N, C-alpha and C. Protein backbone atom coordinates (compact mmCIF):
# COMPACT_ATOMS: atom_id res chain seq x y z
N UNK A 1 27.51 -11.61 -5.43
CA UNK A 1 26.75 -11.59 -6.68
C UNK A 1 25.45 -10.80 -6.50
N UNK A 2 25.00 -10.11 -7.55
CA UNK A 2 23.75 -9.35 -7.43
C UNK A 2 22.56 -10.27 -7.12
N UNK A 3 21.65 -9.74 -6.35
CA UNK A 3 20.44 -10.48 -5.98
C UNK A 3 19.26 -9.59 -6.34
N UNK A 4 18.37 -10.07 -7.23
CA UNK A 4 17.26 -9.24 -7.69
C UNK A 4 15.93 -9.91 -7.38
N UNK A 5 14.89 -9.08 -7.37
CA UNK A 5 13.52 -9.56 -7.20
C UNK A 5 12.72 -9.17 -8.43
N UNK A 6 12.03 -10.14 -9.03
CA UNK A 6 11.12 -9.88 -10.14
C UNK A 6 9.70 -10.09 -9.63
N UNK A 7 8.92 -9.02 -9.62
CA UNK A 7 7.52 -9.09 -9.19
C UNK A 7 6.65 -8.86 -10.42
N UNK A 8 6.22 -9.95 -11.04
CA UNK A 8 5.46 -9.87 -12.30
C UNK A 8 4.62 -11.13 -12.43
N UNK A 9 3.34 -10.97 -12.72
CA UNK A 9 2.46 -12.14 -12.83
C UNK A 9 2.32 -12.64 -14.26
N UNK A 10 3.09 -12.06 -15.18
CA UNK A 10 3.09 -12.54 -16.56
C UNK A 10 4.33 -13.41 -16.77
N UNK A 11 4.16 -14.73 -16.90
CA UNK A 11 5.31 -15.65 -16.98
C UNK A 11 6.31 -15.29 -18.08
N UNK A 12 5.83 -14.89 -19.26
CA UNK A 12 6.74 -14.59 -20.36
C UNK A 12 7.61 -13.39 -20.04
N UNK A 13 7.01 -12.38 -19.44
CA UNK A 13 7.79 -11.18 -19.10
C UNK A 13 8.79 -11.49 -17.99
N UNK A 14 8.35 -12.24 -16.98
CA UNK A 14 9.24 -12.61 -15.89
C UNK A 14 10.41 -13.43 -16.41
N UNK A 15 10.13 -14.32 -17.35
CA UNK A 15 11.19 -15.14 -17.95
C UNK A 15 12.17 -14.27 -18.73
N UNK A 16 11.64 -13.33 -19.51
CA UNK A 16 12.50 -12.44 -20.30
C UNK A 16 13.39 -11.60 -19.39
N UNK A 17 12.83 -11.09 -18.30
CA UNK A 17 13.63 -10.30 -17.36
C UNK A 17 14.73 -11.16 -16.73
N UNK A 18 14.39 -12.41 -16.42
CA UNK A 18 15.38 -13.31 -15.86
C UNK A 18 16.51 -13.60 -16.84
N UNK A 19 16.16 -13.80 -18.12
CA UNK A 19 17.17 -14.02 -19.16
C UNK A 19 18.07 -12.80 -19.30
N UNK A 20 17.47 -11.62 -19.28
CA UNK A 20 18.25 -10.39 -19.40
C UNK A 20 19.19 -10.22 -18.22
N UNK A 21 18.70 -10.54 -17.02
CA UNK A 21 19.54 -10.41 -15.83
C UNK A 21 20.73 -11.36 -15.88
N UNK A 22 20.50 -12.58 -16.33
CA UNK A 22 21.60 -13.55 -16.43
C UNK A 22 22.60 -13.16 -17.52
N UNK A 23 22.13 -12.45 -18.56
CA UNK A 23 23.03 -11.95 -19.60
C UNK A 23 23.95 -10.87 -19.05
N UNK A 24 23.43 -10.11 -18.07
CA UNK A 24 24.25 -9.09 -17.41
C UNK A 24 25.30 -9.74 -16.52
N UNK A 25 24.88 -10.75 -15.77
CA UNK A 25 25.78 -11.44 -14.84
C UNK A 25 25.28 -12.87 -14.66
N UNK A 26 25.99 -13.85 -15.22
CA UNK A 26 25.53 -15.25 -15.12
C UNK A 26 25.38 -15.74 -13.68
N UNK A 27 26.06 -15.07 -12.74
CA UNK A 27 25.98 -15.50 -11.35
C UNK A 27 24.87 -14.84 -10.56
N UNK A 28 24.06 -14.03 -11.25
CA UNK A 28 23.00 -13.30 -10.55
C UNK A 28 21.98 -14.27 -9.94
N UNK A 29 21.48 -13.94 -8.77
CA UNK A 29 20.42 -14.75 -8.15
C UNK A 29 19.11 -13.97 -8.22
N UNK A 30 18.01 -14.71 -8.41
CA UNK A 30 16.73 -14.05 -8.68
C UNK A 30 15.62 -14.73 -7.90
N UNK A 31 14.80 -13.91 -7.24
CA UNK A 31 13.56 -14.39 -6.63
C UNK A 31 12.41 -13.87 -7.48
N UNK A 32 11.39 -14.68 -7.65
CA UNK A 32 10.22 -14.28 -8.44
C UNK A 32 8.95 -14.37 -7.60
N UNK A 33 8.12 -13.36 -7.68
CA UNK A 33 6.82 -13.36 -7.02
C UNK A 33 5.78 -12.85 -8.01
N UNK A 34 4.51 -13.09 -7.72
CA UNK A 34 3.45 -12.69 -8.64
C UNK A 34 2.42 -11.76 -8.02
N UNK A 35 2.58 -11.41 -6.75
CA UNK A 35 1.65 -10.49 -6.09
C UNK A 35 2.43 -9.47 -5.27
N UNK A 36 1.77 -8.37 -4.92
CA UNK A 36 2.40 -7.37 -4.07
C UNK A 36 2.63 -7.93 -2.68
N UNK A 37 1.68 -8.72 -2.17
CA UNK A 37 1.84 -9.29 -0.82
C UNK A 37 3.11 -10.12 -0.74
N UNK A 38 3.37 -10.92 -1.77
CA UNK A 38 4.59 -11.73 -1.79
C UNK A 38 5.83 -10.85 -1.90
N UNK A 39 5.74 -9.80 -2.74
CA UNK A 39 6.87 -8.89 -2.90
C UNK A 39 7.18 -8.18 -1.58
N UNK A 40 6.11 -7.77 -0.90
CA UNK A 40 6.28 -7.08 0.38
C UNK A 40 6.99 -7.98 1.38
N UNK A 41 6.58 -9.24 1.44
CA UNK A 41 7.19 -10.19 2.36
C UNK A 41 8.68 -10.38 2.04
N UNK A 42 9.00 -10.51 0.76
CA UNK A 42 10.39 -10.70 0.36
C UNK A 42 11.24 -9.46 0.66
N UNK A 43 10.70 -8.28 0.37
CA UNK A 43 11.46 -7.04 0.55
C UNK A 43 11.71 -6.75 2.02
N UNK A 44 10.79 -7.18 2.87
CA UNK A 44 10.99 -6.97 4.31
C UNK A 44 12.18 -7.76 4.85
N UNK A 45 12.45 -8.93 4.26
CA UNK A 45 13.51 -9.75 4.82
C UNK A 45 14.78 -9.78 3.98
N UNK A 46 14.73 -9.19 2.77
CA UNK A 46 15.90 -9.23 1.90
C UNK A 46 16.18 -7.84 1.33
N UNK A 47 17.45 -7.45 1.38
CA UNK A 47 17.87 -6.17 0.82
C UNK A 47 18.37 -6.43 -0.60
N UNK A 48 17.48 -6.32 -1.57
CA UNK A 48 17.80 -6.65 -2.95
C UNK A 48 18.65 -5.56 -3.61
N UNK A 49 19.49 -5.98 -4.55
CA UNK A 49 20.25 -5.02 -5.34
C UNK A 49 19.36 -4.32 -6.36
N UNK A 50 18.30 -4.99 -6.78
CA UNK A 50 17.38 -4.43 -7.76
C UNK A 50 16.03 -5.12 -7.63
N UNK A 51 14.95 -4.31 -7.69
CA UNK A 51 13.59 -4.83 -7.69
C UNK A 51 12.93 -4.41 -9.00
N UNK A 52 12.45 -5.39 -9.76
CA UNK A 52 11.74 -5.13 -11.01
C UNK A 52 10.25 -5.38 -10.75
N UNK A 53 9.47 -4.31 -10.77
CA UNK A 53 8.09 -4.35 -10.30
C UNK A 53 7.09 -4.08 -11.41
N UNK A 54 6.23 -5.05 -11.68
CA UNK A 54 5.13 -4.87 -12.62
C UNK A 54 4.17 -3.83 -12.06
N UNK A 55 3.73 -2.92 -12.92
CA UNK A 55 2.83 -1.86 -12.46
C UNK A 55 1.46 -2.39 -12.08
N UNK A 56 1.05 -3.49 -12.70
CA UNK A 56 -0.28 -4.04 -12.44
C UNK A 56 -0.16 -5.49 -11.97
N UNK A 57 -0.32 -5.71 -10.68
CA UNK A 57 -0.30 -7.05 -10.10
C UNK A 57 -1.72 -7.42 -9.68
N UNK A 58 -2.01 -8.71 -9.48
CA UNK A 58 -3.39 -9.12 -9.16
C UNK A 58 -3.98 -8.45 -7.93
N UNK A 59 -3.13 -8.14 -6.93
CA UNK A 59 -3.66 -7.58 -5.68
C UNK A 59 -3.40 -6.09 -5.53
N UNK A 60 -2.98 -5.43 -6.60
CA UNK A 60 -2.77 -3.98 -6.53
C UNK A 60 -2.82 -3.41 -7.94
N UNK A 61 -3.42 -2.23 -8.07
CA UNK A 61 -3.52 -1.58 -9.37
C UNK A 61 -2.82 -0.23 -9.30
N UNK A 62 -2.04 0.08 -10.32
CA UNK A 62 -1.39 1.37 -10.35
C UNK A 62 -0.14 1.43 -9.50
N UNK A 63 0.15 2.63 -9.00
CA UNK A 63 1.42 2.87 -8.35
C UNK A 63 1.45 2.57 -6.86
N UNK A 64 0.36 2.05 -6.31
CA UNK A 64 0.33 1.77 -4.88
C UNK A 64 1.43 0.77 -4.50
N UNK A 65 1.70 -0.20 -5.37
CA UNK A 65 2.73 -1.18 -5.07
C UNK A 65 4.10 -0.55 -4.95
N UNK A 66 4.41 0.36 -5.85
CA UNK A 66 5.68 1.08 -5.78
C UNK A 66 5.77 1.89 -4.49
N UNK A 67 4.69 2.57 -4.13
CA UNK A 67 4.68 3.37 -2.91
C UNK A 67 4.92 2.50 -1.68
N UNK A 68 4.30 1.31 -1.64
CA UNK A 68 4.46 0.41 -0.50
C UNK A 68 5.91 -0.07 -0.39
N UNK A 69 6.48 -0.54 -1.49
CA UNK A 69 7.84 -1.06 -1.44
C UNK A 69 8.85 0.04 -1.12
N UNK A 70 8.60 1.25 -1.63
CA UNK A 70 9.49 2.38 -1.31
C UNK A 70 9.39 2.74 0.17
N UNK A 71 8.20 2.62 0.74
CA UNK A 71 8.05 2.92 2.16
C UNK A 71 8.79 1.90 3.02
N UNK A 72 8.80 0.64 2.57
CA UNK A 72 9.50 -0.40 3.33
C UNK A 72 11.01 -0.26 3.19
N UNK A 73 11.47 -0.01 1.95
CA UNK A 73 12.91 0.10 1.66
C UNK A 73 13.17 1.41 0.91
N UNK A 74 13.26 2.52 1.63
CA UNK A 74 13.41 3.82 0.96
C UNK A 74 14.62 3.92 0.04
N UNK A 75 15.68 3.18 0.35
CA UNK A 75 16.90 3.28 -0.45
C UNK A 75 16.97 2.24 -1.56
N UNK A 76 15.95 1.42 -1.71
CA UNK A 76 15.98 0.33 -2.70
C UNK A 76 16.00 0.88 -4.12
N UNK A 77 16.69 0.17 -5.01
CA UNK A 77 16.66 0.48 -6.43
C UNK A 77 15.49 -0.29 -7.05
N UNK A 78 14.46 0.45 -7.44
CA UNK A 78 13.24 -0.17 -7.99
C UNK A 78 13.01 0.35 -9.40
N UNK A 79 12.74 -0.56 -10.30
CA UNK A 79 12.36 -0.19 -11.67
C UNK A 79 10.97 -0.72 -11.97
N UNK A 80 10.15 0.12 -12.56
CA UNK A 80 8.81 -0.29 -12.97
C UNK A 80 8.90 -1.01 -14.31
N UNK A 81 8.15 -2.10 -14.43
CA UNK A 81 8.01 -2.82 -15.69
C UNK A 81 6.54 -2.71 -16.10
N UNK A 82 6.27 -2.17 -17.29
CA UNK A 82 4.88 -1.88 -17.62
C UNK A 82 4.61 -1.94 -19.12
N UNK A 83 3.37 -2.25 -19.44
CA UNK A 83 2.92 -2.18 -20.82
C UNK A 83 2.59 -0.76 -21.23
N UNK A 84 2.52 0.14 -20.25
CA UNK A 84 2.27 1.56 -20.51
C UNK A 84 3.60 2.30 -20.55
N UNK A 85 3.76 3.21 -21.50
CA UNK A 85 5.01 3.98 -21.56
C UNK A 85 4.77 5.44 -21.93
N UNK A 86 3.55 5.93 -21.61
CA UNK A 86 3.28 7.34 -21.82
C UNK A 86 4.16 8.18 -20.91
N UNK A 87 4.60 9.36 -21.37
CA UNK A 87 5.47 10.20 -20.55
C UNK A 87 4.94 10.47 -19.16
N UNK A 88 3.62 10.68 -19.02
CA UNK A 88 3.06 10.97 -17.69
C UNK A 88 3.20 9.79 -16.75
N UNK A 89 3.05 8.57 -17.27
CA UNK A 89 3.19 7.37 -16.45
C UNK A 89 4.64 7.23 -15.99
N UNK A 90 5.58 7.45 -16.91
CA UNK A 90 7.00 7.39 -16.57
C UNK A 90 7.34 8.44 -15.52
N UNK A 91 6.80 9.65 -15.70
CA UNK A 91 7.07 10.73 -14.76
C UNK A 91 6.52 10.43 -13.38
N UNK A 92 5.34 9.81 -13.31
CA UNK A 92 4.78 9.44 -12.01
C UNK A 92 5.65 8.42 -11.31
N UNK A 93 6.15 7.45 -12.08
CA UNK A 93 7.04 6.45 -11.49
C UNK A 93 8.28 7.11 -10.91
N UNK A 94 8.85 8.06 -11.64
CA UNK A 94 10.03 8.78 -11.15
C UNK A 94 9.69 9.58 -9.90
N UNK A 95 8.52 10.23 -9.91
CA UNK A 95 8.13 11.04 -8.76
C UNK A 95 7.97 10.20 -7.50
N UNK A 96 7.60 8.92 -7.68
CA UNK A 96 7.45 8.01 -6.54
C UNK A 96 8.75 7.30 -6.18
N UNK A 97 9.83 7.65 -6.87
CA UNK A 97 11.14 7.12 -6.48
C UNK A 97 11.69 5.99 -7.31
N UNK A 98 11.01 5.63 -8.42
CA UNK A 98 11.55 4.57 -9.28
C UNK A 98 12.82 5.06 -9.96
N UNK A 99 13.83 4.20 -10.02
CA UNK A 99 15.09 4.55 -10.67
C UNK A 99 15.07 4.20 -12.16
N UNK A 100 14.10 3.39 -12.55
CA UNK A 100 14.03 3.01 -13.94
C UNK A 100 12.62 2.69 -14.36
N UNK A 101 12.41 2.63 -15.67
CA UNK A 101 11.11 2.30 -16.23
C UNK A 101 11.36 1.47 -17.48
N UNK A 102 10.96 0.19 -17.44
CA UNK A 102 11.23 -0.74 -18.54
C UNK A 102 9.91 -1.13 -19.20
N UNK A 103 9.65 -0.65 -20.42
CA UNK A 103 8.41 -1.07 -21.11
C UNK A 103 8.44 -2.56 -21.41
N UNK A 104 7.28 -3.20 -21.34
CA UNK A 104 7.21 -4.63 -21.66
C UNK A 104 7.45 -4.90 -23.13
N UNK A 105 7.40 -3.85 -23.94
CA UNK A 105 7.69 -4.00 -25.37
C UNK A 105 9.19 -4.00 -25.65
N UNK A 106 10.01 -3.82 -24.62
CA UNK A 106 11.46 -3.75 -24.81
C UNK A 106 12.01 -5.06 -25.33
N UNK A 107 13.05 -4.97 -26.14
CA UNK A 107 13.75 -6.16 -26.60
C UNK A 107 14.62 -6.70 -25.46
N UNK A 108 15.09 -7.92 -25.60
CA UNK A 108 15.99 -8.48 -24.58
C UNK A 108 17.24 -7.60 -24.43
N UNK A 109 17.77 -7.11 -25.56
CA UNK A 109 18.95 -6.26 -25.50
C UNK A 109 18.67 -4.98 -24.70
N UNK A 110 17.48 -4.40 -24.87
CA UNK A 110 17.13 -3.20 -24.11
C UNK A 110 16.98 -3.53 -22.63
N UNK A 111 16.39 -4.69 -22.32
CA UNK A 111 16.27 -5.11 -20.93
C UNK A 111 17.65 -5.32 -20.30
N UNK A 112 18.56 -5.92 -21.08
CA UNK A 112 19.93 -6.12 -20.60
C UNK A 112 20.57 -4.77 -20.27
N UNK A 113 20.42 -3.81 -21.18
CA UNK A 113 20.99 -2.49 -20.95
C UNK A 113 20.41 -1.81 -19.73
N UNK A 114 19.09 -1.96 -19.56
CA UNK A 114 18.42 -1.35 -18.41
C UNK A 114 18.91 -1.96 -17.10
N UNK A 115 18.95 -3.28 -17.04
CA UNK A 115 19.35 -3.96 -15.80
C UNK A 115 20.81 -3.67 -15.49
N UNK A 116 21.67 -3.65 -16.51
CA UNK A 116 23.08 -3.34 -16.29
C UNK A 116 23.24 -1.93 -15.71
N UNK A 117 22.54 -0.97 -16.30
CA UNK A 117 22.63 0.41 -15.81
C UNK A 117 22.12 0.53 -14.38
N UNK A 118 21.00 -0.11 -14.09
CA UNK A 118 20.41 -0.01 -12.75
C UNK A 118 21.30 -0.67 -11.70
N UNK A 119 21.90 -1.80 -12.03
CA UNK A 119 22.81 -2.46 -11.09
C UNK A 119 24.09 -1.65 -10.89
N UNK A 120 24.43 -0.81 -11.88
CA UNK A 120 25.60 0.06 -11.76
C UNK A 120 25.28 1.36 -11.03
N UNK A 121 24.03 1.48 -10.55
CA UNK A 121 23.66 2.67 -9.80
C UNK A 121 23.15 3.82 -10.64
N UNK A 122 22.90 3.57 -11.91
CA UNK A 122 22.40 4.61 -12.79
C UNK A 122 20.88 4.52 -12.94
N UNK A 123 20.29 5.59 -13.40
CA UNK A 123 18.88 5.57 -13.75
C UNK A 123 18.74 5.06 -15.19
N UNK A 124 17.55 4.55 -15.53
CA UNK A 124 17.34 4.11 -16.91
C UNK A 124 15.90 4.35 -17.31
N UNK A 125 15.74 5.02 -18.46
CA UNK A 125 14.42 5.27 -19.04
C UNK A 125 14.46 4.90 -20.51
N UNK A 126 13.34 4.52 -21.11
CA UNK A 126 13.33 4.21 -22.54
C UNK A 126 13.66 5.43 -23.36
N UNK A 127 14.34 5.21 -24.47
CA UNK A 127 14.69 6.32 -25.36
C UNK A 127 13.44 6.93 -25.97
N UNK A 128 13.51 8.22 -26.20
CA UNK A 128 12.42 8.89 -26.89
C UNK A 128 11.26 9.30 -26.02
N UNK A 129 11.39 9.10 -24.70
CA UNK A 129 10.30 9.51 -23.80
C UNK A 129 10.43 11.00 -23.53
N UNK A 130 9.40 11.73 -23.93
CA UNK A 130 9.40 13.18 -23.68
C UNK A 130 9.11 13.45 -22.22
N UNK A 131 9.70 14.52 -21.70
CA UNK A 131 9.48 14.86 -20.30
C UNK A 131 8.07 15.40 -20.08
N UNK A 132 7.50 15.04 -18.94
CA UNK A 132 6.21 15.57 -18.53
C UNK A 132 6.43 16.70 -17.54
N UNK A 133 5.66 17.76 -17.68
CA UNK A 133 5.82 18.89 -16.77
C UNK A 133 5.65 18.47 -15.33
N UNK A 134 6.52 18.99 -14.47
CA UNK A 134 6.42 18.68 -13.05
C UNK A 134 5.16 19.28 -12.44
N UNK A 135 4.50 20.19 -13.17
CA UNK A 135 3.27 20.78 -12.67
C UNK A 135 2.06 19.90 -12.99
N UNK A 136 2.26 18.84 -13.76
CA UNK A 136 1.18 17.91 -14.07
C UNK A 136 0.59 17.40 -12.76
N UNK A 137 -0.74 17.41 -12.61
CA UNK A 137 -1.37 17.05 -11.34
C UNK A 137 -1.07 15.62 -10.94
N UNK A 138 -0.87 14.74 -11.94
CA UNK A 138 -0.58 13.34 -11.62
C UNK A 138 0.81 13.20 -11.01
N UNK A 139 1.75 13.98 -11.50
CA UNK A 139 3.10 13.96 -10.93
C UNK A 139 3.08 14.52 -9.52
N UNK A 140 2.32 15.60 -9.34
CA UNK A 140 2.20 16.19 -8.00
C UNK A 140 1.60 15.20 -7.02
N UNK A 141 0.55 14.49 -7.44
CA UNK A 141 -0.08 13.52 -6.54
C UNK A 141 0.86 12.36 -6.25
N UNK A 142 1.63 11.93 -7.26
CA UNK A 142 2.61 10.85 -7.04
C UNK A 142 3.61 11.26 -5.97
N UNK A 143 4.06 12.49 -6.03
CA UNK A 143 5.01 12.97 -5.02
C UNK A 143 4.36 12.99 -3.64
N UNK A 144 3.09 13.36 -3.59
CA UNK A 144 2.38 13.39 -2.30
C UNK A 144 2.20 11.98 -1.74
N UNK A 145 1.80 11.04 -2.61
CA UNK A 145 1.64 9.65 -2.17
C UNK A 145 2.97 9.10 -1.66
N UNK A 146 4.05 9.53 -2.28
CA UNK A 146 5.37 9.07 -1.88
C UNK A 146 5.80 9.51 -0.49
N UNK A 147 5.09 10.48 0.08
CA UNK A 147 5.43 10.94 1.44
C UNK A 147 4.71 10.13 2.52
N UNK A 148 3.78 9.26 2.12
CA UNK A 148 3.02 8.47 3.10
C UNK A 148 3.88 7.35 3.68
N UNK A 149 3.70 7.09 4.95
CA UNK A 149 4.39 5.98 5.60
C UNK A 149 3.71 4.67 5.21
N UNK A 150 4.35 3.54 5.53
CA UNK A 150 3.75 2.25 5.21
C UNK A 150 2.42 2.08 5.94
N UNK A 151 2.34 2.54 7.19
CA UNK A 151 1.08 2.44 7.93
C UNK A 151 -0.01 3.30 7.29
N UNK A 152 0.36 4.50 6.86
CA UNK A 152 -0.61 5.37 6.22
C UNK A 152 -1.07 4.81 4.88
N UNK A 153 -0.16 4.17 4.14
CA UNK A 153 -0.55 3.55 2.88
C UNK A 153 -1.53 2.40 3.11
N UNK A 154 -1.31 1.64 4.17
CA UNK A 154 -2.23 0.54 4.48
C UNK A 154 -3.62 1.08 4.82
N UNK A 155 -3.67 2.15 5.59
CA UNK A 155 -4.96 2.75 5.94
C UNK A 155 -5.63 3.32 4.69
N UNK A 156 -4.85 3.97 3.84
CA UNK A 156 -5.41 4.53 2.62
C UNK A 156 -5.98 3.43 1.73
N UNK A 157 -5.27 2.34 1.57
CA UNK A 157 -5.78 1.23 0.77
C UNK A 157 -7.06 0.66 1.38
N UNK A 158 -7.14 0.66 2.71
CA UNK A 158 -8.33 0.14 3.38
C UNK A 158 -9.54 1.03 3.13
N UNK A 159 -9.37 2.35 3.17
CA UNK A 159 -10.53 3.21 2.94
C UNK A 159 -10.93 3.18 1.46
N UNK A 160 -9.97 2.97 0.56
CA UNK A 160 -10.31 2.82 -0.85
C UNK A 160 -11.18 1.58 -1.04
N UNK A 161 -10.95 0.55 -0.22
CA UNK A 161 -11.74 -0.67 -0.28
C UNK A 161 -13.06 -0.56 0.48
N UNK A 162 -13.35 0.64 1.00
CA UNK A 162 -14.63 0.89 1.65
C UNK A 162 -14.70 0.53 3.12
N UNK A 163 -13.57 0.24 3.75
CA UNK A 163 -13.59 -0.15 5.16
C UNK A 163 -13.72 1.06 6.07
N UNK A 164 -14.49 0.90 7.14
CA UNK A 164 -14.65 1.94 8.14
C UNK A 164 -13.56 1.81 9.20
N UNK A 165 -13.46 2.85 10.05
CA UNK A 165 -12.36 2.90 11.02
C UNK A 165 -12.28 1.67 11.91
N UNK A 166 -13.43 1.19 12.40
CA UNK A 166 -13.42 0.04 13.30
C UNK A 166 -12.85 -1.19 12.60
N UNK A 167 -13.27 -1.41 11.34
CA UNK A 167 -12.77 -2.56 10.57
C UNK A 167 -11.28 -2.41 10.27
N UNK A 168 -10.86 -1.18 9.94
CA UNK A 168 -9.44 -0.94 9.66
C UNK A 168 -8.60 -1.22 10.91
N UNK A 169 -9.08 -0.75 12.05
CA UNK A 169 -8.36 -0.98 13.31
C UNK A 169 -8.22 -2.47 13.58
N UNK A 170 -9.30 -3.21 13.34
CA UNK A 170 -9.27 -4.66 13.58
C UNK A 170 -8.31 -5.36 12.61
N UNK A 171 -8.43 -5.03 11.33
CA UNK A 171 -7.62 -5.70 10.32
C UNK A 171 -6.14 -5.39 10.48
N UNK A 172 -5.83 -4.15 10.82
CA UNK A 172 -4.42 -3.74 10.91
C UNK A 172 -3.87 -3.82 12.33
N UNK A 173 -4.73 -4.29 13.26
CA UNK A 173 -4.33 -4.42 14.67
C UNK A 173 -3.85 -3.08 15.23
N UNK A 174 -4.69 -2.07 15.03
CA UNK A 174 -4.41 -0.73 15.53
C UNK A 174 -5.55 -0.28 16.42
N UNK A 175 -5.28 0.70 17.27
CA UNK A 175 -6.34 1.33 18.04
C UNK A 175 -7.08 2.31 17.13
N UNK A 176 -8.37 2.48 17.37
CA UNK A 176 -9.14 3.40 16.51
C UNK A 176 -8.58 4.82 16.52
N UNK A 177 -8.14 5.35 17.68
CA UNK A 177 -7.53 6.70 17.64
C UNK A 177 -6.30 6.75 16.74
N UNK A 178 -5.56 5.64 16.65
CA UNK A 178 -4.39 5.60 15.78
C UNK A 178 -4.82 5.67 14.32
N UNK A 179 -5.90 4.97 13.99
CA UNK A 179 -6.44 5.02 12.63
C UNK A 179 -6.84 6.45 12.29
N UNK A 180 -7.51 7.11 13.20
CA UNK A 180 -7.94 8.49 12.97
C UNK A 180 -6.74 9.41 12.79
N UNK A 181 -5.68 9.16 13.57
CA UNK A 181 -4.46 9.95 13.43
C UNK A 181 -3.83 9.75 12.06
N UNK A 182 -3.80 8.50 11.61
CA UNK A 182 -3.25 8.22 10.27
C UNK A 182 -4.09 8.90 9.20
N UNK A 183 -5.42 8.87 9.35
CA UNK A 183 -6.29 9.52 8.36
C UNK A 183 -6.03 11.02 8.29
N UNK A 184 -5.85 11.64 9.45
CA UNK A 184 -5.56 13.08 9.46
C UNK A 184 -4.27 13.38 8.71
N UNK A 185 -3.25 12.54 8.93
CA UNK A 185 -1.96 12.73 8.24
C UNK A 185 -2.11 12.50 6.74
N UNK A 186 -2.90 11.50 6.36
CA UNK A 186 -3.14 11.21 4.94
C UNK A 186 -3.81 12.39 4.26
N UNK A 187 -4.86 12.93 4.90
CA UNK A 187 -5.59 14.07 4.31
C UNK A 187 -4.63 15.25 4.13
N UNK A 188 -3.81 15.51 5.14
CA UNK A 188 -2.89 16.64 5.08
C UNK A 188 -1.87 16.46 3.95
N UNK A 189 -1.30 15.26 3.84
CA UNK A 189 -0.27 15.02 2.84
C UNK A 189 -0.83 15.01 1.42
N UNK A 190 -2.07 14.53 1.26
CA UNK A 190 -2.67 14.49 -0.08
C UNK A 190 -3.35 15.81 -0.44
N UNK A 191 -3.47 16.71 0.52
CA UNK A 191 -4.12 17.99 0.25
C UNK A 191 -5.62 17.88 0.08
N UNK A 192 -6.25 16.95 0.85
CA UNK A 192 -7.70 16.78 0.80
C UNK A 192 -8.24 16.98 2.22
N UNK A 193 -9.58 17.04 2.32
CA UNK A 193 -10.16 17.34 3.62
C UNK A 193 -10.97 16.19 4.22
N UNK A 194 -11.22 15.12 3.45
CA UNK A 194 -11.98 14.01 4.00
C UNK A 194 -11.67 12.72 3.24
N UNK A 195 -12.21 11.59 3.74
CA UNK A 195 -11.87 10.30 3.16
C UNK A 195 -12.41 10.14 1.74
N UNK A 196 -13.57 10.74 1.45
CA UNK A 196 -14.12 10.64 0.10
C UNK A 196 -13.19 11.29 -0.91
N UNK A 197 -12.67 12.46 -0.57
CA UNK A 197 -11.74 13.14 -1.47
C UNK A 197 -10.45 12.36 -1.62
N UNK A 198 -9.99 11.73 -0.54
CA UNK A 198 -8.77 10.92 -0.60
C UNK A 198 -8.97 9.73 -1.53
N UNK A 199 -10.11 9.07 -1.42
CA UNK A 199 -10.42 7.92 -2.27
C UNK A 199 -10.51 8.35 -3.73
N UNK A 200 -11.23 9.44 -4.00
CA UNK A 200 -11.39 9.91 -5.37
C UNK A 200 -10.04 10.31 -5.97
N UNK A 201 -9.19 10.94 -5.17
CA UNK A 201 -7.87 11.34 -5.66
C UNK A 201 -7.05 10.12 -6.04
N UNK A 202 -7.04 9.11 -5.18
CA UNK A 202 -6.24 7.92 -5.45
C UNK A 202 -6.82 7.13 -6.62
N UNK A 203 -8.15 7.03 -6.69
CA UNK A 203 -8.77 6.29 -7.80
C UNK A 203 -8.50 6.97 -9.13
N UNK A 204 -8.56 8.29 -9.14
CA UNK A 204 -8.27 9.02 -10.38
C UNK A 204 -6.82 8.83 -10.78
N UNK A 205 -5.94 8.85 -9.80
CA UNK A 205 -4.51 8.67 -10.01
C UNK A 205 -4.24 7.30 -10.63
N UNK A 206 -4.79 6.25 -10.02
CA UNK A 206 -4.54 4.90 -10.51
C UNK A 206 -5.30 4.59 -11.80
N UNK A 207 -6.46 5.23 -11.98
CA UNK A 207 -7.26 4.94 -13.18
C UNK A 207 -6.53 5.35 -14.45
N UNK A 208 -5.65 6.34 -14.31
CA UNK A 208 -4.95 6.83 -15.50
C UNK A 208 -3.72 5.98 -15.79
N UNK A 209 -3.50 4.93 -15.00
CA UNK A 209 -2.34 4.08 -15.24
C UNK A 209 -2.77 2.74 -15.76
């Protein structure tokens, strides 16, 4: 039977997604979490058939959560669930590897259709979403963020929170030279030259979501 993960801190939305999933397959099993940390823990130990991920969780803002889960499970089928449905937001989700995008305004029938398609291995997007140019800087940055490893994403999140190398090394149980190596790789992949530019790029990216 399919096994899905719902990562959403809004009880009504999580309940609606669960109802839609059971309409697709009454035997479906579902785990529910409300934070990225909990989702990360679950994804590390379980290979889910589908992950439904809220774009905005209490401990993460924007697409960082999607990037983290994709880094842990590159082959996972992940769909973003969001109150935002602008074409650029949908395009960024796709650029980061999301197979689907389910607006929170969707009806139960639309959620059923989305979950059925995703479990069948298909992509799913809301009808009427116009395509965003692949040259859009937000899409380009999403693709760049998607190339970061899980360790690099952790370091990037730490510098966004204002932590210095010594604190990052302590918190992540890394050697300081390793932190510096990760920073060099982050700068190269994001196309920036220092930590300030990396922070500004990520903040601008997430602020638009």
